[in-house]
Amino acid sequence: MLLVLYHVVLKNLHLESASQSRS
């Protein structure tokens, strides 16, 4: 369970970072 949540959080952070970089 924790691993799944961890992966989701990392994915969200990565997506946010990519979005900010793109902007």
Protein backbone atom coordinates (compact mmCIF):
# COMPACT_ATOMS: atom_id res chain seq x y z
CA MET A 1 0.00 0.00 0.00
CA LEU A 2 2.69 2.47 1.04
CA LEU A 3 4.73 1.74 -2.07
CA VAL A 4 1.77 2.62 -4.29
CA LEU A 5 1.21 5.89 -2.47
CA TYR A 6 4.92 6.67 -2.65
CA HIS A 7 4.93 6.07 -6.40
CA VAL A 8 1.88 8.29 -6.89
CA VAL A 9 3.48 11.11 -4.92
CA LEU A 10 6.72 10.84 -6.87
CA LYS A 11 4.80 10.79 -10.13
CA ASN A 12 2.86 13.92 -9.15
CA LEU A 13 6.03 15.72 -8.10
CA HIS A 14 7.72 14.80 -11.36
CA LEU A 15 4.75 15.98 -13.40
CA GLU A 16 4.60 19.25 -11.48
CA SER A 17 8.32 19.82 -11.98
CA ALA A 18 8.02 19.14 -15.70
CA SER A 19 5.06 21.50 -15.97
CA GLN A 20 6.92 24.30 -14.19
CA SER A 21 10.03 23.76 -16.32
CA ARG A 22 7.95 23.87 -19.48
CA SER A 23 6.20 27.07 -18.45
